[in-house]
PDB file of N, CA and C in Angstrom:
ATOM      1  N   UNK A   1      96.586  93.592  91.362  1.00  0.00           N
ATOM      2  CA  UNK A   1      98.155  93.234  90.999  1.00  0.00           C
ATOM      3  C   UNK A   1      98.347  91.760  90.470  1.00  0.00           C
ATOM      4  N   UNK A   2      97.716  91.119  91.584  1.00  0.00           N
ATOM      5  CA  UNK A   2      97.455  89.611  90.768  1.00  0.00           C
ATOM      6  C   UNK A   2      97.070  89.414  89.419  1.00  0.00           C
ATOM      7  N   UNK A   3      96.153  89.729  89.030  1.00  0.00           N
ATOM      8  CA  UNK A   3      95.766  89.944  87.633  1.00  0.00           C
ATOM      9  C   UNK A   3      96.374  90.290  86.452  1.00  0.00           C
ATOM     10  N   UNK A   4      97.389  91.712  87.021  1.00  0.00           N
ATOM     11  CA  UNK A   4      98.398  91.710  85.974  1.00  0.00           C
ATOM     12  C   UNK A   4      99.789  91.041  86.079  1.00  0.00           C
ATOM     13  N   UNK A   5      99.937  90.030  87.045  1.00  0.00           N
ATOM     14  CA  UNK A   5     101.151  89.664  87.295  1.00  0.00           C
ATOM     15  C   UNK A   5     101.101  88.521  86.648  1.00  0.00           C
ATOM     16  N   UNK A   6      99.646  87.702  86.609  1.00  0.00           N
ATOM     17  CA  UNK A   6      99.004  86.504  86.145  1.00  0.00           C
ATOM     18  C   UNK A   6      99.151  86.802  84.615  1.00  0.00           C
ATOM     19  N   UNK A   7      98.694  88.163  83.976  1.00  0.00           N
ATOM     20  CA  UNK A   7      98.702  88.055  82.902  1.00  0.00           C
ATOM     21  C   UNK A   7     100.110  87.868  82.002  1.00  0.00           C
ATOM     22  N   UNK A   8     100.759  88.890  82.752  1.00  0.00           N
ATOM     23  CA  UNK A   8     102.344  89.278  82.184  1.00  0.00           C
ATOM     24  C   UNK A   8     102.677  88.046  81.936  1.00  0.00           C
ATOM     25  N   UNK A   9     102.454  86.829  83.074  1.00  0.00           N
ATOM     26  CA  UNK A   9     103.583  85.547  83.069  1.00  0.00           C
ATOM     27  C   UNK A   9     102.552  84.737  82.485  1.00  0.00           C
ATOM     28  N   UNK A  10     101.504  84.936  81.794  1.00  0.00           N
ATOM     29  CA  UNK A  10     100.405  83.844  81.372  1.00  0.00           C
ATOM     30  C   UNK A  10     100.224  82.661  82.076  1.00  0.00           C
ATOM     31  N   UNK A  11      99.778  82.983  83.190  1.00  0.00           N
ATOM     32  CA  UNK A  11      99.760  82.153  84.429  1.00  0.00           C
ATOM     33  C   UNK A  11      98.413  82.045  84.859  1.00  0.00           C
ATOM     34  N   UNK A  12      97.442  81.228  84.859  1.00  0.00           N
ATOM     35  CA  UNK A  12      96.614  81.088  85.262  1.00  0.00           C
ATOM     36  C   UNK A  12      95.928  80.412  86.955  1.00  0.00           C
ATOM     37  N   UNK A  13      96.931  79.716  87.503  1.00  0.00           N
ATOM     38  CA  UNK A  13      96.951  78.960  88.384  1.00  0.00           C
ATOM     39  C   UNK A  13      97.198  80.383  89.509  1.00  0.00           C
ATOM     40  N   UNK A  14      96.184  80.699  90.464  1.00  0.00           N
ATOM     41  CA  UNK A  14      95.964  81.850  91.503  1.00  0.00           C
ATOM     42  C   UNK A  14      96.983  81.480  92.672  1.00  0.00           C
ATOM     43  N   UNK A  15      97.483  80.200  92.829  1.00  0.00           N
ATOM     44  CA  UNK A  15      98.251  80.154  93.724  1.00  0.00           C
ATOM     45  C   UNK A  15      99.611  80.550  93.564  1.00  0.00           C
ATOM     46  N   UNK A  16      99.968  80.186  92.118  1.00  0.00           N
ATOM     47  CA  UNK A  16     101.497  80.138  91.629  1.00  0.00           C
ATOM     48  C   UNK A  16     101.739  81.929  91.673  1.00  0.00           C
ATOM     49  N   UNK A  17     100.488  82.324  91.027  1.00  0.00           N
ATOM     50  CA  UNK A  17     100.554  83.714  90.711  1.00  0.00           C
ATOM     51  C   UNK A  17     100.670  84.554  92.043  1.00  0.00           C
ATOM     52  N   UNK A  18      99.871  84.326  93.060  1.00  0.00           N
ATOM     53  CA  UNK A  18     100.252  85.079  94.469  1.00  0.00           C
ATOM     54  C   UNK A  18     101.722  84.881  94.865  1.00  0.00           C
ATOM     55  N   UNK A  19     102.166  83.516  94.890  1.00  0.00           N
ATOM     56  CA  UNK A  19     103.389  83.035  95.241  1.00  0.00           C
ATOM     57  C   UNK A  19     104.601  84.019  94.664  1.00  0.00           C
ATOM     58  N   UNK A  20     104.256  84.012  93.749  1.00  0.00           N
ATOM     59  CA  UNK A  20     105.322  84.942  92.658  1.00  0.00           C
ATOM     60  C   UNK A  20     105.394  86.217  92.782  1.00  0.00           C
ATOM     61  N   UNK A  21     103.958  86.683  93.181  1.00  0.00           N
ATOM     62  CA  UNK A  21     103.589  88.486  93.489  1.00  0.00           C
ATOM     63  C   UNK A  21     104.697  88.465  94.915  1.00  0.00           C
ATOM     64  N   UNK A  22     104.382  87.687  95.885  1.00  0.00           N
ATOM     65  CA  UNK A  22     104.834  87.994  97.191  1.00  0.00           C
ATOM     66  C   UNK A  22     106.436  88.061  97.045  1.00  0.00           C
ATOM     67  N   UNK A  23     106.825  86.783  96.254  1.00  0.00           N
ATOM     68  CA  UNK A  23     108.217  86.880  96.388  1.00  0.00           C
ATOM     69  C   UNK A  23     108.795  88.401  95.633  1.00  0.00           C
ATOM     70  N   UNK A  24     108.004  88.497  94.461  1.00  0.00           N
ATOM     71  CA  UNK A  24     108.585  89.752  93.331  1.00  0.00           C
ATOM     72  C   UNK A  24     108.426  90.860  94.651  1.00  0.00           C
ATOM     73  N   UNK A  25     107.256  91.069  95.130  1.00  0.00           N
ATOM     74  CA  UNK A  25     107.141  92.228  96.224  1.00  0.00           C
ATOM     75  C   UNK A  25     108.109  92.659  97.305  1.00  0.00           C
ATOM     76  N   UNK A  26     108.557  91.246  98.027  1.00  0.00           N
ATOM     77  CA  UNK A  26     110.014  91.236  98.707  1.00  0.00           C
ATOM     78  C   UNK A  26     110.946  91.829  97.987  1.00  0.00           C
ATOM     79  N   UNK A  27     111.231  91.321  96.878  1.00  0.00           N
ATOM     80  CA  UNK A  27     112.441  91.648  96.161  1.00  0.00           C
ATOM     81  C   UNK A  27     112.669  93.304  95.902  1.00  0.00           C
ATOM     82  N   UNK A  28     110.926  93.856  95.244  1.00  0.00           N
ATOM     83  CA  UNK A  28     111.302  95.251  95.083  1.00  0.00           C
ATOM     84  C   UNK A  28     111.168  95.998  96.337  1.00  0.00           C
ATOM     85  N   UNK A  29     110.945  95.390  97.338  1.00  0.00           N
ATOM     86  CA  UNK A  29     110.972  96.598  98.507  1.00  0.00           C
ATOM     87  C   UNK A  29     112.199  96.531  99.078  1.00  0.00           C
ATOM     88  N   UNK A  30     113.280  95.817  98.785  1.00  0.00           N
ATOM     89  CA  UNK A  30     114.631  95.606  99.470  1.00  0.00           C
ATOM     90  C   UNK A  30     115.371  96.581  98.557  1.00  0.00           C
ATOM     91  N   UNK A  31     115.042  96.852  97.267  1.00  0.00           N
ATOM     92  CA  UNK A  31     115.422  97.583  96.216  1.00  0.00           C
ATOM     93  C   UNK A  31     114.879  99.128  96.432  1.00  0.00           C
ATOM     94  N   UNK A  32     113.858  99.201  97.367  1.00  0.00           N
ATOM     95  CA  UNK A  32     113.345 100.805  97.481  1.00  0.00           C
ATOM     96  C   UNK A  32     112.536 101.168  96.160  1.00  0.00           C
ATOM     97  N   UNK A  33     112.091 100.159  95.528  1.00  0.00           N
ATOM     98  CA  UNK A  33     111.081 100.281  94.251  1.00  0.00           C
ATOM     99  C   UNK A  33     109.856 100.879  94.506  1.00  0.00           C
ATOM    100  N   UNK A  34     109.634 102.100  93.599  1.00  0.00           N
ATOM    101  CA  UNK A  34     108.268 102.845  94.079  1.00  0.00           C
ATOM    102  C   UNK A  34     107.101 102.233  93.688  1.00  0.00           C
ATOM    103  N   UNK A  35     107.247 100.920  92.648  1.00  0.00           N
ATOM    104  CA  UNK A  35     105.875 100.198  92.339  1.00  0.00           C
ATOM    105  C   UNK A  35     105.167  99.913  93.777  1.00  0.00           C
ATOM    106  N   UNK A  36     105.974  99.035  94.459  1.00  0.00           N
ATOM    107  CA  UNK A  36     105.445  98.710  95.862  1.00  0.00           C
ATOM    108  C   UNK A  36     104.947  99.772  96.695  1.00  0.00           C
ATOM    109  N   UNK A  37     105.373 100.770  96.789  1.00  0.00           N
ATOM    110  CA  UNK A  37     104.903 101.960  97.830  1.00  0.00           C
ATOM    111  C   UNK A  37     103.524 102.394  96.847  1.00  0.00           C
ATOM    112  N   UNK A  38     103.362 102.202  95.545  1.00  0.00           N
ATOM    113  CA  UNK A  38     102.183 102.456  94.838  1.00  0.00           C
ATOM    114  C   UNK A  38     101.180 101.794  95.161  1.00  0.00           C
ATOM    115  N   UNK A  39     101.415 100.228  95.842  1.00  0.00           N
ATOM    116  CA  UNK A  39     100.250  99.386  96.129  1.00  0.00           C
ATOM    117  C   UNK A  39      99.533  99.563  97.230  1.00  0.00           C
ATOM    118  N   UNK A  40      98.222  99.254  97.380  1.00  0.00           N
ATOM    119  CA  UNK A  40      97.444  99.448  98.523  1.00  0.00           C
ATOM    120  C   UNK A  40      96.576  98.412  98.611  1.00  0.00           C
ATOM    121  N   UNK A  41      96.235  97.799  99.553  1.00  0.00           N
ATOM    122  CA  UNK A  41      95.841  96.557 100.158  1.00  0.00           C
ATOM    123  C   UNK A  41      94.216  96.968 100.605  1.00  0.00           C
ATOM    124  N   UNK A  42      93.405  96.290  99.625  1.00  0.00           N
ATOM    125  CA  UNK A  42      91.717  96.466  99.856  1.00  0.00           C
ATOM    126  C   UNK A  42      91.214  95.145 100.105  1.00  0.00           C
ATOM    127  N   UNK A  43      90.214  95.465 100.886  1.00  0.00           N
ATOM    128  CA  UNK A  43      89.594  94.096 101.144  1.00  0.00           C
ATOM    129  C   UNK A  43      88.263  93.881  99.814  1.00  0.00           C
ATOM    130  N   UNK A  44      88.363  92.607  98.797  1.00  0.00           N
ATOM    131  CA  UNK A  44      87.686  92.889  97.480  1.00  0.00           C
ATOM    132  C   UNK A  44      87.125  91.575  98.089  1.00  0.00           C
ATOM    133  N   UNK A  45      85.585  90.939  97.428  1.00  0.00           N
ATOM    134  CA  UNK A  45      85.073  90.242  97.691  1.00  0.00           C
ATOM    135  C   UNK A  45      85.637  89.295  96.725  1.00  0.00           C
ATOM    136  N   UNK A  46      85.727  87.678  97.047  1.00  0.00           N
ATOM    137  CA  UNK A  46      86.049  86.766  96.136  1.00  0.00           C
ATOM    138  C   UNK A  46      85.084  86.029  95.729  1.00  0.00           C
ATOM    139  N   UNK A  47      85.683  84.748  94.803  1.00  0.00           N
ATOM    140  CA  UNK A  47      84.391  84.075  94.589  1.00  0.00           C
ATOM    141  C   UNK A  47      83.811  83.341  95.503  1.00  0.00           C
ATOM    142  N   UNK A  48      84.539  82.745  96.767  1.00  0.00           N
ATOM    143  CA  UNK A  48      83.541  82.113  97.914  1.00  0.00           C
ATOM    144  C   UNK A  48      83.021  83.071  98.549  1.00  0.00           C
ATOM    145  N   UNK A  49      82.649  84.399  98.018  1.00  0.00           N
ATOM    146  CA  UNK A  49      81.853  85.222  99.072  1.00  0.00           C
ATOM    147  C   UNK A  49      82.296  85.883 100.151  1.00  0.00           C
ATOM    148  N   UNK A  50      83.687  85.789 100.040  1.00  0.00           N
ATOM    149  CA  UNK A  50      84.107  86.228 101.720  1.00  0.00           C
ATOM    150  C   UNK A  50      85.169  87.491 101.047  1.00  0.00           C
ATOM    151  N   UNK A  51      85.519  88.465 101.725  1.00  0.00           N
ATOM    152  CA  UNK A  51      86.381  89.296 101.454  1.00  0.00           C
ATOM    153  C   UNK A  51      87.912  89.244 101.743  1.00  0.00           C
ATOM    154  N   UNK A  52      88.506  89.314 100.957  1.00  0.00           N
ATOM    155  CA  UNK A  52      89.889  89.386 101.542  1.00  0.00           C
ATOM    156  C   UNK A  52      90.849  90.098 100.851  1.00  0.00           C
ATOM    157  N   UNK A  53      92.009  90.835 101.844  1.00  0.00           N
ATOM    158  CA  UNK A  53      92.855  91.731 101.409  1.00  0.00           C
ATOM    159  C   UNK A  53      93.806  91.359 100.048  1.00  0.00           C
ATOM    160  N   UNK A  54      93.802  92.371  99.045  1.00  0.00           N
ATOM    161  CA  UNK A  54      94.498  92.066  98.146  1.00  0.00           C
ATOM    162  C   UNK A  54      95.172  93.379  97.349  1.00  0.00           C
ATOM    163  N   UNK A  55      96.610  93.356  96.737  1.00  0.00           N
ATOM    164  CA  UNK A  55      97.229  94.477  96.358  1.00  0.00           C
ATOM    165  C   UNK A  55      96.392  95.096  95.192  1.00  0.00           C
ATOM    166  N   UNK A  56      96.466  96.270  95.283  1.00  0.00           N
ATOM    167  CA  UNK A  56      95.512  96.865  93.916  1.00  0.00           C
ATOM    168  C   UNK A  56      96.747  98.263  94.043  1.00  0.00           C
ATOM    169  N   UNK A  57      96.734  98.698  92.517  1.00  0.00           N
ATOM    170  CA  UNK A  57      97.731  99.786  92.046  1.00  0.00           C
ATOM    171  C   UNK A  57      96.382 101.019  91.476  1.00  0.00           C
ATOM    172  N   UNK A  58      96.598 101.960  92.004  1.00  0.00           N
ATOM    173  CA  UNK A  58      96.101 102.994  91.304  1.00  0.00           C
ATOM    174  C   UNK A  58      96.493 103.577  90.369  1.00  0.00           C
ATOM    175  N   UNK A  59      95.670 103.619  89.115  1.00  0.00           N
ATOM    176  CA  UNK A  59      96.178 103.781  88.100  1.00  0.00           C
ATOM    177  C   UNK A  59      95.470 105.113  87.382  1.00  0.00           C
ATOM    178  N   UNK A  60      96.202 106.255  86.828  1.00  0.00           N
ATOM    179  CA  UNK A  60      95.679 107.225  86.137  1.00  0.00           C
ATOM    180  C   UNK A  60      95.014 107.502  84.914  1.00  0.00           C
ATOM    181  N   UNK A  61      94.276 107.391  84.010  1.00  0.00           N
ATOM    182  CA  UNK A  61      94.182 107.498  82.312  1.00  0.00           C
ATOM    183  C   UNK A  61      94.140 108.534  81.865  1.00  0.00           C
TER     184      UNK A  61
END
């Protein structure tokens, strides 16, 4: 999700993208938006070699 949010906002700063996604996710949850319920947290490998939970979306082609 962070990749998508960063691309749509034309923002490359990871911290800004993460903060915006957290704000947007909270706002969408209050509105009972289905997008948030479609996200799942998975532990993915980061550049520092550690695994962190990140929001992902399952999309069908």
